[in-house]
């Protein structure tokens, strides 16, 4: 059974930083793409970033490029999302997810991911 547990959310002022973590159970998570999504109230779940199994390939949505960095430590079974220069529009519940297939890198669509965490709230406000 795969479990994903996010942490690191909170309240931060505009321009501030947060680092989210996603701890994954299971010995084979290092073989899968890991992604971050977010969902603001009244909006659909939105792709934020994804990282390949080895960390060599990363993809970001346009709105976070240059501000957010996704990384992973396979020895610790953990994925991170470093968020800098935060804006009020970044406010959302952030979810980590594991790709469905170990042979194909998951992309921007939620359906490409088979396991999800419970989410962590990020609020950017002065």
Foldseek 3Di string as FASTA:
>chain_A
DKAKAKDWADEAAAQAKIKMKIAIDDLCLLLWKKFKWWDDPPGDIWGAKIAHSVRPDMDGDPVQPPFWDWGDDSVRRMIMIIGGRDDQVVWTWMKMFTAPDSVDHDDTDPVRTDDIHPTDTHGYHD
